[in-house]
Protein backbone atom coordinates (compact mmCIF):
# COMPACT_ATOMS: atom_id res chain seq x y z
CA UNK A 1 97.42 86.33 122.21
CA UNK A 2 100.08 89.06 122.93
CA UNK A 3 99.52 92.54 123.36
CA UNK A 4 99.24 94.51 119.48
CA UNK A 5 103.12 95.58 118.50
CA UNK A 6 102.26 99.06 116.60
CA UNK A 7 105.37 99.76 115.15
CA UNK A 8 108.57 97.77 113.67
CA UNK A 9 110.86 99.35 116.39
CA UNK A 10 108.32 97.88 119.20
CA UNK A 11 108.72 94.29 118.00
CA UNK A 12 112.18 94.35 117.96
CA UNK A 13 113.23 95.86 121.02
CA UNK A 14 112.34 92.29 122.38
CA UNK A 15 115.85 89.46 122.05
CA UNK A 16 114.02 86.81 121.01
CA UNK A 17 112.06 88.84 118.06
CA UNK A 18 115.28 89.37 116.92
CA UNK A 19 117.33 85.95 116.46
CA UNK A 20 114.07 85.05 114.50
CA UNK A 21 114.54 87.70 112.06
CA UNK A 22 118.09 87.09 112.06
CA UNK A 23 117.58 82.83 111.57
CA UNK A 24 114.95 83.85 108.77
CA UNK A 25 117.61 86.29 106.71
CA UNK A 26 120.29 83.27 106.67
CA UNK A 27 117.76 80.75 106.45
CA UNK A 28 115.08 81.99 104.51
CA UNK A 29 111.92 79.63 103.49
CA UNK A 30 112.42 77.56 107.23
CA UNK A 31 110.41 76.04 108.78
CA UNK A 32 108.39 76.61 112.57
CA UNK A 33 110.09 73.29 113.81
CA UNK A 34 113.12 74.16 112.05
CA UNK A 35 112.81 77.45 113.78
CA UNK A 36 112.62 76.11 116.74
CA UNK A 37 114.85 73.99 117.41
CA UNK A 38 118.12 76.37 116.17
CA UNK A 39 116.87 78.85 118.51
CA UNK A 40 116.52 75.89 121.32
CA UNK A 41 112.77 77.58 122.04
CA UNK A 42 109.43 75.70 122.15
CA UNK A 43 106.84 75.96 119.91
CA UNK A 44 104.48 77.68 121.64
CA UNK A 45 107.33 80.20 122.63
CA UNK A 46 107.70 81.17 119.77
CA UNK A 47 104.31 81.36 118.24
CA UNK A 48 103.30 84.56 120.08
CA UNK A 49 106.40 86.26 118.51
CA UNK A 50 105.58 85.02 115.44
CA UNK A 51 102.56 86.76 115.05
CA UNK A 52 103.96 89.66 116.18
CA UNK A 53 106.14 89.89 114.20
CA UNK A 54 103.20 89.34 111.02
CA UNK A 55 101.13 91.93 112.07
CA UNK A 56 104.05 94.27 111.06
CA UNK A 57 104.13 93.02 108.59
CA UNK A 58 108.07 91.79 108.64
CA UNK A 59 107.82 87.99 108.00
CA UNK A 60 104.69 86.09 105.94
CA UNK A 61 104.60 82.57 105.85
CA UNK A 62 103.86 80.62 102.80
CA UNK A 63 102.06 77.15 103.59
CA UNK A 64 102.92 74.40 101.27
CA UNK A 65 100.25 71.78 101.71
CA UNK A 66 101.29 70.72 105.26
CA UNK A 67 105.08 72.90 105.83
CA UNK A 68 104.05 76.18 107.19
CA UNK A 69 107.99 77.94 105.77
CA UNK A 70 108.85 81.33 106.79
CA UNK A 71 110.08 83.98 105.10
CA UNK A 72 111.25 88.41 105.77
CA UNK A 73 109.74 91.16 103.99
CA UNK A 74 112.21 92.53 103.00
CA UNK A 75 110.17 95.92 101.72
CA UNK A 76 109.13 96.49 105.06
CA UNK A 77 112.69 96.28 106.70
CA UNK A 78 114.18 97.70 104.77
CA UNK A 79 112.03 100.61 104.93
CA UNK A 80 112.33 99.90 109.14
CA UNK A 81 115.96 100.60 108.85
CA UNK A 82 115.34 103.80 106.49
CA UNK A 83 113.11 105.32 108.41
CA UNK A 84 115.23 104.98 111.31
CA UNK A 85 118.02 106.71 109.50
CA UNK A 86 116.36 109.99 109.50
CA UNK A 87 116.34 110.12 113.02
CA UNK A 88 119.85 110.40 113.02
CA UNK A 89 121.04 113.88 113.56
CA UNK A 90 122.05 116.63 116.36
CA UNK A 91 120.87 119.76 117.08
CA UNK A 92 122.55 121.59 119.70
CA UNK A 93 124.01 118.49 120.84
CA UNK A 94 120.81 117.01 120.80
CA UNK A 95 119.65 114.06 118.66
CA UNK A 96 116.78 116.40 116.72
CA UNK A 97 113.47 113.96 114.52
CA UNK A 98 113.47 114.78 111.65
CA UNK A 99 110.62 115.07 108.95
CA UNK A 100 109.41 111.51 107.35
CA UNK A 101 107.17 109.82 105.87
CA UNK A 102 103.76 109.97 107.76
CA UNK A 103 102.04 107.89 105.98
CA UNK A 104 103.49 104.27 105.78
CA UNK A 105 103.53 105.01 109.43
CA UNK A 106 100.25 105.99 110.02
CA UNK A 107 99.34 102.70 108.33
CA UNK A 108 101.13 100.65 109.91
CA UNK A 109 99.63 101.86 113.48
CA UNK A 110 96.60 100.78 111.89
CA UNK A 111 97.47 97.63 110.24
CA UNK A 112 94.55 95.10 111.23
CA UNK A 113 95.52 91.32 113.83
CA UNK A 114 96.15 88.60 111.52
């Protein structure tokens, strides 16, 4: 089982996870097998990364009989991008952290594993 990732930013530090998200943005509803073949990664290697992306709420699985379809949770992605934009801003040549919605950040940090 992969170690617990608490934030969207930490989850997306990994290049394979970024490739997964990009693929699913372009191919919503793709199966795990399609994702594996397209990215050239074994299903076993993908599983841990998918768990992490699910834990932060970035992807969701929809079961259609035996087929599992993967989708991006656009709301979480949009909020993550909005939150990251709040970090921009310079004060005396240094990047200053601007206020952000602490409630959403705490909710992501408390999220229990699936």
